Amino acid sequence: MGIIVIVAIVVVVVVSIYYGKTLFQEENPIIMAKSILKLEMTTHEYVKISTAPDRFISNNESKGYTVIKNYMDHLGWKSTRISLNHV
């Protein structure tokens, strides 16, 4: 029983070090941890975090922006390029 507790603590510490910045930027780190785990353990390009409001997480090492843009296009949104250069 003691070894299970030690392993669990080590896993929590390692995950906190590796994903800590992402986990604790949201109000519920448990939901965020579950979403990251699902993203890492599957081939999904994004994972839905919540439904009210709709929030998703994607892996930045993949095609983060492209994945979100494609999903929004699928929903019928049109993307527009805006230039922020002042002439």
PDB file of N, CA and C in Angstrom:
ATOM      1  N   MET A   1       0.827  -1.200   0.000  1.00  0.00           N
ATOM      2  CA  MET A   1       0.000   0.000   0.000  1.00  0.00           C
ATOM      3  C   MET A   1       0.866   1.258   0.000  1.00  0.00           C
ATOM      4  N   GLY A   2       1.959   1.218   0.771  1.00  0.00           N
ATOM      5  CA  GLY A   2       2.850   2.378   0.865  1.00  0.00           C
ATOM      6  C   GLY A   2       3.516   2.712  -0.450  1.00  0.00           C
ATOM      7  N   ILE A   3       3.858   1.681  -1.232  1.00  0.00           N
ATOM      8  CA  ILE A   3       4.513   1.902  -2.523  1.00  0.00           C
ATOM      9  C   ILE A   3       3.578   2.594  -3.501  1.00  0.00           C
ATOM     10  N   ILE A   4       2.287   2.297  -3.426  1.00  0.00           N
ATOM     11  CA  ILE A   4       1.300   2.931  -4.303  1.00  0.00           C
ATOM     12  C   ILE A   4       1.214   4.422  -3.999  1.00  0.00           C
ATOM     13  N   VAL A   5       1.223   4.790  -2.748  1.00  0.00           N
ATOM     14  CA  VAL A   5       1.170   6.193  -2.346  1.00  0.00           C
ATOM     15  C   VAL A   5       2.412   6.926  -2.841  1.00  0.00           C
ATOM     16  N   ILE A   6       3.566   6.301  -2.681  1.00  0.00           N
ATOM     17  CA  ILE A   6       4.822   6.932  -3.125  1.00  0.00           C
ATOM     18  C   ILE A   6       4.814   7.122  -4.640  1.00  0.00           C
ATOM     19  N   VAL A   7       4.381   6.111  -5.375  1.00  0.00           N
ATOM     20  CA  VAL A   7       4.313   6.220  -6.836  1.00  0.00           C
ATOM     21  C   VAL A   7       3.330   7.323  -7.238  1.00  0.00           C
ATOM     22  N   ALA A   8       2.191   7.394  -6.573  1.00  0.00           N
ATOM     23  CA  ALA A   8       1.199   8.429  -6.878  1.00  0.00           C
ATOM     24  C   ALA A   8       1.769   9.823  -6.624  1.00  0.00           C
ATOM     25  N   ILE A   9       2.490   9.987  -5.528  1.00  0.00           N
ATOM     26  CA  ILE A   9       3.092  11.286  -5.220  1.00  0.00           C
ATOM     27  C   ILE A   9       4.133  11.662  -6.270  1.00  0.00           C
ATOM     28  N   VAL A  10       4.956  10.699  -6.656  1.00  0.00           N
ATOM     29  CA  VAL A  10       5.978  10.965  -7.684  1.00  0.00           C
ATOM     30  C   VAL A  10       5.317  11.360  -9.004  1.00  0.00           C
ATOM     31  N   VAL A  11       4.264  10.664  -9.387  1.00  0.00           N
ATOM     32  CA  VAL A  11       3.550  10.986 -10.628  1.00  0.00           C
ATOM     33  C   VAL A  11       2.968  12.400 -10.555  1.00  0.00           C
ATOM     34  N   VAL A  12       2.362  12.748  -9.447  1.00  0.00           N
ATOM     35  CA  VAL A  12       1.781  14.086  -9.289  1.00  0.00           C
ATOM     36  C   VAL A  12       2.869  15.153  -9.374  1.00  0.00           C
ATOM     37  N   VAL A  13       4.001  14.923  -8.745  1.00  0.00           N
ATOM     38  CA  VAL A  13       5.093  15.893  -8.774  1.00  0.00           C
ATOM     39  C   VAL A  13       5.632  16.051 -10.195  1.00  0.00           C
ATOM     40  N   VAL A  14       5.858  14.942 -10.884  1.00  0.00           N
ATOM     41  CA  VAL A  14       6.392  15.006 -12.251  1.00  0.00           C
ATOM     42  C   VAL A  14       5.411  15.714 -13.180  1.00  0.00           C
ATOM     43  N   VAL A  15       4.139  15.371 -13.085  1.00  0.00           N
ATOM     44  CA  VAL A  15       3.119  16.018 -13.918  1.00  0.00           C
ATOM     45  C   VAL A  15       3.034  17.506 -13.585  1.00  0.00           C
ATOM     46  N   SER A  16       3.107  17.864 -12.317  1.00  0.00           N
ATOM     47  CA  SER A  16       3.049  19.270 -11.915  1.00  0.00           C
ATOM     48  C   SER A  16       4.231  20.055 -12.464  1.00  0.00           C
ATOM     49  N   ILE A  17       5.392  19.437 -12.468  1.00  0.00           N
ATOM     50  CA  ILE A  17       6.573  20.124 -13.003  1.00  0.00           C
ATOM     51  C   ILE A  17       6.450  20.291 -14.515  1.00  0.00           C
ATOM     52  N   TYR A  18       6.040  19.238 -15.202  1.00  0.00           N
ATOM     53  CA  TYR A  18       5.984  19.270 -16.657  1.00  0.00           C
ATOM     54  C   TYR A  18       4.808  20.084 -17.192  1.00  0.00           C
ATOM     55  N   TYR A  19       3.640  19.951 -16.583  1.00  0.00           N
ATOM     56  CA  TYR A  19       2.425  20.612 -17.061  1.00  0.00           C
ATOM     57  C   TYR A  19       1.888  21.662 -16.085  1.00  0.00           C
ATOM     58  N   GLY A  20       2.625  21.995 -15.042  1.00  0.00           N
ATOM     59  CA  GLY A  20       2.123  22.877 -13.997  1.00  0.00           C
ATOM     60  C   GLY A  20       1.578  24.198 -14.484  1.00  0.00           C
ATOM     61  N   LYS A  21       2.292  24.836 -15.404  1.00  0.00           N
ATOM     62  CA  LYS A  21       1.865  26.138 -15.914  1.00  0.00           C
ATOM     63  C   LYS A  21       0.496  26.047 -16.578  1.00  0.00           C
ATOM     64  N   THR A  22       0.280  24.986 -17.338  1.00  0.00           N
ATOM     65  CA  THR A  22      -0.995  24.789 -18.022  1.00  0.00           C
ATOM     66  C   THR A  22      -2.092  24.363 -17.057  1.00  0.00           C
ATOM     67  N   LEU A  23      -1.765  23.467 -16.151  1.00  0.00           N
ATOM     68  CA  LEU A  23      -2.779  22.933 -15.235  1.00  0.00           C
ATOM     69  C   LEU A  23      -3.400  23.999 -14.349  1.00  0.00           C
ATOM     70  N   PHE A  24      -2.581  24.899 -13.857  1.00  0.00           N
ATOM     71  CA  PHE A  24      -3.062  25.832 -12.847  1.00  0.00           C
ATOM     72  C   PHE A  24      -3.466  27.188 -13.397  1.00  0.00           C
ATOM     73  N   GLN A  25      -3.537  27.338 -14.709  1.00  0.00           N
ATOM     74  CA  GLN A  25      -4.028  28.593 -15.262  1.00  0.00           C
ATOM     75  C   GLN A  25      -5.554  28.608 -15.344  1.00  0.00           C
ATOM     76  N   GLU A  26      -6.167  27.462 -15.196  1.00  0.00           N
ATOM     77  CA  GLU A  26      -7.621  27.356 -15.235  1.00  0.00           C
ATOM     78  C   GLU A  26      -8.152  27.144 -13.823  1.00  0.00           C
ATOM     79  N   GLU A  27      -9.466  27.255 -13.673  1.00  0.00           N
ATOM     80  CA  GLU A  27     -10.058  27.160 -12.337  1.00  0.00           C
ATOM     81  C   GLU A  27     -10.119  25.744 -11.785  1.00  0.00           C
ATOM     82  N   ASN A  28     -10.097  24.739 -12.622  1.00  0.00           N
ATOM     83  CA  ASN A  28     -10.188  23.370 -12.141  1.00  0.00           C
ATOM     84  C   ASN A  28      -9.053  22.539 -12.737  1.00  0.00           C
ATOM     85  N   PRO A  29      -7.949  22.389 -12.020  1.00  0.00           N
ATOM     86  CA  PRO A  29      -6.802  21.670 -12.577  1.00  0.00           C
ATOM     87  C   PRO A  29      -7.057  20.184 -12.826  1.00  0.00           C
ATOM     88  N   ILE A  30      -8.040  19.592 -12.166  1.00  0.00           N
ATOM     89  CA  ILE A  30      -8.323  18.168 -12.374  1.00  0.00           C
ATOM     90  C   ILE A  30      -8.893  17.947 -13.778  1.00  0.00           C
ATOM     91  N   ILE A  31      -9.826  18.793 -14.190  1.00  0.00           N
ATOM     92  CA  ILE A  31     -10.393  18.689 -15.538  1.00  0.00           C
ATOM     93  C   ILE A  31      -9.306  18.943 -16.575  1.00  0.00           C
ATOM     94  N   MET A  32      -8.448  19.927 -16.320  1.00  0.00           N
ATOM     95  CA  MET A  32      -7.357  20.231 -17.245  1.00  0.00           C
ATOM     96  C   MET A  32      -6.396  19.045 -17.338  1.00  0.00           C
ATOM     97  N   ALA A  33      -6.075  18.423 -16.203  1.00  0.00           N
ATOM     98  CA  ALA A  33      -5.166  17.271 -16.190  1.00  0.00           C
ATOM     99  C   ALA A  33      -5.760  16.105 -16.980  1.00  0.00           C
ATOM    100  N   LYS A  34      -7.060  15.847 -16.800  1.00  0.00           N
ATOM    101  CA  LYS A  34      -7.723  14.781 -17.541  1.00  0.00           C
ATOM    102  C   LYS A  34      -7.691  15.060 -19.037  1.00  0.00           C
ATOM    103  N   SER A  35      -7.904  16.313 -19.415  1.00  0.00           N
ATOM    104  CA  SER A  35      -7.895  16.683 -20.831  1.00  0.00           C
ATOM    105  C   SER A  35      -6.503  16.533 -21.434  1.00  0.00           C
ATOM    106  N   ILE A  36      -5.476  16.954 -20.697  1.00  0.00           N
ATOM    107  CA  ILE A  36      -4.099  16.814 -21.179  1.00  0.00           C
ATOM    108  C   ILE A  36      -3.746  15.337 -21.319  1.00  0.00           C
ATOM    109  N   LEU A  37      -4.145  14.544 -20.348  1.00  0.00           N
ATOM    110  CA  LEU A  37      -3.873  13.109 -20.402  1.00  0.00           C
ATOM    111  C   LEU A  37      -4.535  12.483 -21.621  1.00  0.00           C
ATOM    112  N   LYS A  38      -5.782  12.842 -21.877  1.00  0.00           N
ATOM    113  CA  LYS A  38      -6.494  12.320 -23.042  1.00  0.00           C
ATOM    114  C   LYS A  38      -5.803  12.770 -24.327  1.00  0.00           C
ATOM    115  N   LEU A  39      -5.358  14.020 -24.371  1.00  0.00           N
ATOM    116  CA  LEU A  39      -4.672  14.546 -25.550  1.00  0.00           C
ATOM    117  C   LEU A  39      -3.359  13.809 -25.796  1.00  0.00           C
ATOM    118  N   GLU A  40      -2.632  13.527 -24.723  1.00  0.00           N
ATOM    119  CA  GLU A  40      -1.336  12.857 -24.850  1.00  0.00           C
ATOM    120  C   GLU A  40      -1.467  11.365 -25.164  1.00  0.00           C
ATOM    121  N   MET A  41      -2.526  10.736 -24.696  1.00  0.00           N
ATOM    122  CA  MET A  41      -2.664   9.283 -24.828  1.00  0.00           C
ATOM    123  C   MET A  41      -3.441   8.852 -26.080  1.00  0.00           C
ATOM    124  N   THR A  42      -3.989   9.809 -26.817  1.00  0.00           N
ATOM    125  CA  THR A  42      -4.760   9.479 -28.018  1.00  0.00           C
ATOM    126  C   THR A  42      -4.186  10.220 -29.218  1.00  0.00           C
ATOM    127  N   THR A  43      -4.805  10.031 -30.350  1.00  0.00           N
ATOM    128  CA  THR A  43      -4.377  10.742 -31.553  1.00  0.00           C
ATOM    129  C   THR A  43      -5.260  11.951 -31.837  1.00  0.00           C
ATOM    130  N   HIS A  44      -6.090  12.338 -30.864  1.00  0.00           N
ATOM    131  CA  HIS A  44      -6.957  13.499 -31.056  1.00  0.00           C
ATOM    132  C   HIS A  44      -6.114  14.754 -31.242  1.00  0.00           C
ATOM    133  N   GLU A  45      -6.561  15.637 -32.124  1.00  0.00           N
ATOM    134  CA  GLU A  45      -5.846  16.893 -32.334  1.00  0.00           C
ATOM    135  C   GLU A  45      -6.231  17.935 -31.284  1.00  0.00           C
ATOM    136  N   TYR A  46      -7.429  17.784 -30.718  1.00  0.00           N
ATOM    137  CA  TYR A  46      -7.892  18.680 -29.661  1.00  0.00           C
ATOM    138  C   TYR A  46      -8.840  17.918 -28.760  1.00  0.00           C
ATOM    139  N   VAL A  47      -9.031  18.450 -27.549  1.00  0.00           N
ATOM    140  CA  VAL A  47      -9.926  17.832 -26.577  1.00  0.00           C
ATOM    141  C   VAL A  47     -10.812  18.931 -25.994  1.00  0.00           C
ATOM    142  N   LYS A  48     -12.099  18.637 -25.875  1.00  0.00           N
ATOM    143  CA  LYS A  48     -13.037  19.596 -25.289  1.00  0.00           C
ATOM    144  C   LYS A  48     -12.883  19.592 -23.778  1.00  0.00           C
ATOM    145  N   ILE A  49     -12.727  20.774 -23.193  1.00  0.00           N
ATOM    146  CA  ILE A  49     -12.559  20.899 -21.746  1.00  0.00           C
ATOM    147  C   ILE A  49     -13.899  21.127 -21.070  1.00  0.00           C
ATOM    148  N   SER A  50     -14.712  22.019 -21.639  1.00  0.00           N
ATOM    149  CA  SER A  50     -16.011  22.312 -21.029  1.00  0.00           C
ATOM    150  C   SER A  50     -17.011  22.683 -22.110  1.00  0.00           C
ATOM    151  N   THR A  51     -18.284  22.629 -21.741  1.00  0.00           N
ATOM    152  CA  THR A  51     -19.340  22.947 -22.698  1.00  0.00           C
ATOM    153  C   THR A  51     -19.981  24.304 -22.445  1.00  0.00           C
ATOM    154  N   ALA A  52     -19.830  24.851 -21.287  1.00  0.00           N
ATOM    155  CA  ALA A  52     -20.449  26.148 -20.995  1.00  0.00           C
ATOM    156  C   ALA A  52     -19.435  27.062 -20.321  1.00  0.00           C
ATOM    157  N   PRO A  53     -18.702  27.830 -21.035  1.00  0.00           N
ATOM    158  CA  PRO A  53     -18.630  27.988 -22.484  1.00  0.00           C
ATOM    159  C   PRO A  53     -17.796  26.873 -23.108  1.00  0.00           C
ATOM    160  N   ASP A  54     -17.937  26.721 -24.430  1.00  0.00           N
ATOM    161  CA  ASP A  54     -17.136  25.719 -25.137  1.00  0.00           C
ATOM    162  C   ASP A  54     -15.667  26.099 -25.045  1.00  0.00           C
ATOM    163  N   ARG A  55     -14.862  25.207 -24.468  1.00  0.00           N
ATOM    164  CA  ARG A  55     -13.415  25.432 -24.379  1.00  0.00           C
ATOM    165  C   ARG A  55     -12.706  24.155 -24.784  1.00  0.00           C
ATOM    166  N   PHE A  56     -11.610  24.322 -25.507  1.00  0.00           N
ATOM    167  CA  PHE A  56     -10.844  23.199 -26.028  1.00  0.00           C
ATOM    168  C   PHE A  56      -9.373  23.388 -25.685  1.00  0.00           C
ATOM    169  N   ILE A  57      -8.632  22.292 -25.756  1.00  0.00           N
ATOM    170  CA  ILE A  57      -7.182  22.346 -25.593  1.00  0.00           C
ATOM    171  C   ILE A  57      -6.579  21.569 -26.751  1.00  0.00           C
ATOM    172  N   SER A  58      -5.478  22.116 -27.305  1.00  0.00           N
ATOM    173  CA  SER A  58      -4.770  21.412 -28.371  1.00  0.00           C
ATOM    174  C   SER A  58      -3.286  21.444 -28.062  1.00  0.00           C
ATOM    175  N   ASN A  59      -2.560  20.570 -28.706  1.00  0.00           N
ATOM    176  CA  ASN A  59      -1.131  20.474 -28.486  1.00  0.00           C
ATOM    177  C   ASN A  59      -0.426  21.493 -29.365  1.00  0.00           C
ATOM    178  N   ASN A  60       0.345  22.398 -28.771  1.00  0.00           N
ATOM    179  CA  ASN A  60       1.047  23.417 -29.547  1.00  0.00           C
ATOM    180  C   ASN A  60       2.113  22.826 -30.445  1.00  0.00           C
ATOM    181  N   GLU A  61       2.638  21.662 -30.092  1.00  0.00           N
ATOM    182  CA  GLU A  61       3.669  21.042 -30.921  1.00  0.00           C
ATOM    183  C   GLU A  61       3.091  20.518 -32.223  1.00  0.00           C
ATOM    184  N   SER A  62       1.788  20.285 -32.225  1.00  0.00           N
ATOM    185  CA  SER A  62       1.173  19.864 -33.486  1.00  0.00           C
ATOM    186  C   SER A  62       0.797  21.130 -34.250  1.00  0.00           C
ATOM    187  N   LYS A  63      -0.326  21.101 -34.897  1.00  0.00           N
ATOM    188  CA  LYS A  63      -0.754  22.250 -35.678  1.00  0.00           C
ATOM    189  C   LYS A  63      -1.799  23.033 -34.885  1.00  0.00           C
ATOM    190  N   GLY A  64      -1.444  23.511 -33.690  1.00  0.00           N
ATOM    191  CA  GLY A  64      -2.385  24.146 -32.774  1.00  0.00           C
ATOM    192  C   GLY A  64      -3.357  25.113 -33.414  1.00  0.00           C
ATOM    193  N   TYR A  65      -2.830  26.141 -34.091  1.00  0.00           N
ATOM    194  CA  TYR A  65      -3.701  27.147 -34.707  1.00  0.00           C
ATOM    195  C   TYR A  65      -4.511  26.539 -35.842  1.00  0.00           C
ATOM    196  N   THR A  66      -3.875  25.706 -36.660  1.00  0.00           N
ATOM    197  CA  THR A  66      -4.555  25.106 -37.805  1.00  0.00           C
ATOM    198  C   THR A  66      -5.701  24.215 -37.353  1.00  0.00           C
ATOM    199  N   VAL A  67      -5.499  23.465 -36.281  1.00  0.00           N
ATOM    200  CA  VAL A  67      -6.548  22.591 -35.754  1.00  0.00           C
ATOM    201  C   VAL A  67      -7.761  23.412 -35.353  1.00  0.00           C
ATOM    202  N   ILE A  68      -7.538  24.489 -34.639  1.00  0.00           N
ATOM    203  CA  ILE A  68      -8.648  25.335 -34.181  1.00  0.00           C
ATOM    204  C   ILE A  68      -9.322  26.020 -35.359  1.00  0.00           C
ATOM    205  N   LYS A  69      -8.535  26.518 -36.301  1.00  0.00           N
ATOM    206  CA  LYS A  69      -9.094  27.167 -37.488  1.00  0.00           C
ATOM    207  C   LYS A  69      -9.962  26.185 -38.271  1.00  0.00           C
ATOM    208  N   ASN A  70      -9.482  24.955 -38.463  1.00  0.00           N
ATOM    209  CA  ASN A  70     -10.269  23.944 -39.190  1.00  0.00           C
ATOM    210  C   ASN A  70     -11.561  23.611 -38.458  1.00  0.00           C
ATOM    211  N   TYR A  71     -11.504  23.533 -37.119  1.00  0.00           N
ATOM    212  CA  TYR A  71     -12.710  23.253 -36.337  1.00  0.00           C
ATOM    213  C   TYR A  71     -13.719  24.400 -36.483  1.00  0.00           C
ATOM    214  N   MET A  72     -13.231  25.627 -36.418  1.00  0.00           N
ATOM    215  CA  MET A  72     -14.129  26.777 -36.557  1.00  0.00           C
ATOM    216  C   MET A  72     -14.722  26.834 -37.979  1.00  0.00           C
ATOM    217  N   ASP A  73     -13.917  26.517 -38.986  1.00  0.00           N
ATOM    218  CA  ASP A  73     -14.438  26.437 -40.358  1.00  0.00           C
ATOM    219  C   ASP A  73     -15.535  25.384 -40.448  1.00  0.00           C
ATOM    220  N   HIS A  74     -15.321  24.240 -39.776  1.00  0.00           N
ATOM    221  CA  HIS A  74     -16.315  23.164 -39.745  1.00  0.00           C
ATOM    222  C   HIS A  74     -17.636  23.644 -39.136  1.00  0.00           C
ATOM    223  N   LEU A  75     -17.555  24.550 -38.165  1.00  0.00           N
ATOM    224  CA  LEU A  75     -18.758  25.090 -37.524  1.00  0.00           C
ATOM    225  C   LEU A  75     -19.422  26.184 -38.355  1.00  0.00           C
ATOM    226  N   GLY A  76     -18.765  26.587 -39.448  1.00  0.00           N
ATOM    227  CA  GLY A  76     -19.357  27.614 -40.303  1.00  0.00           C
ATOM    228  C   GLY A  76     -18.784  29.003 -40.096  1.00  0.00           C
ATOM    229  N   TRP A  77     -17.772  29.154 -39.252  1.00  0.00           N
ATOM    230  CA  TRP A  77     -17.136  30.446 -39.037  1.00  0.00           C
ATOM    231  C   TRP A  77     -16.227  30.747 -40.217  1.00  0.00           C
ATOM    232  N   LYS A  78     -16.113  32.002 -40.564  1.00  0.00           N
ATOM    233  CA  LYS A  78     -15.193  32.409 -41.620  1.00  0.00           C
ATOM    234  C   LYS A  78     -14.020  33.127 -40.971  1.00  0.00           C
ATOM    235  N   SER A  79     -12.808  32.723 -41.343  1.00  0.00           N
ATOM    236  CA  SER A  79     -11.631  33.383 -40.781  1.00  0.00           C
ATOM    237  C   SER A  79     -11.249  34.562 -41.669  1.00  0.00           C
ATOM    238  N   THR A  80     -10.812  35.619 -41.012  1.00  0.00           N
ATOM    239  CA  THR A  80     -10.426  36.835 -41.701  1.00  0.00           C
ATOM    240  C   THR A  80      -9.065  37.262 -41.205  1.00  0.00           C
ATOM    241  N   ARG A  81      -8.237  37.700 -42.102  1.00  0.00           N
ATOM    242  CA  ARG A  81      -6.921  38.214 -41.717  1.00  0.00           C
ATOM    243  C   ARG A  81      -7.042  39.694 -41.473  1.00  0.00           C
ATOM    244  N   ILE A  82      -6.562  40.134 -40.336  1.00  0.00           N
ATOM    245  CA  ILE A  82      -6.592  41.553 -39.995  1.00  0.00           C
ATOM    246  C   ILE A  82      -5.167  42.035 -39.868  1.00  0.00           C
ATOM    247  N   SER A  83      -4.858  43.113 -40.541  1.00  0.00           N
ATOM    248  CA  SER A  83      -3.529  43.696 -40.452  1.00  0.00           C
ATOM    249  C   SER A  83      -3.526  44.711 -39.321  1.00  0.00           C
ATOM    250  N   LEU A  84      -2.559  44.585 -38.441  1.00  0.00           N
ATOM    251  CA  LEU A  84      -2.458  45.526 -37.338  1.00  0.00           C
ATOM    252  C   LEU A  84      -1.404  46.599 -37.614  1.00  0.00           C
ATOM    253  N   ASN A  85      -0.882  46.615 -38.822  1.00  0.00           N
ATOM    254  CA  ASN A  85       0.110  47.634 -39.181  1.00  0.00           C
ATOM    255  C   ASN A  85      -0.581  48.961 -39.402  1.00  0.00           C
ATOM    256  N   HIS A  86      -0.070  49.984 -38.766  1.00  0.00           N
ATOM    257  CA  HIS A  86      -0.613  51.327 -38.945  1.00  0.00           C
ATOM    258  C   HIS A  86       0.190  52.010 -40.044  1.00  0.00           C
ATOM    259  N   VAL A  87      -0.513  52.497 -41.031  1.00  0.00           N
ATOM    260  CA  VAL A  87       0.159  53.144 -42.157  1.00  0.00           C
ATOM    261  C   VAL A  87       0.123  54.621 -41.966  1.00  0.00           C
TER     262      VAL A  87
END
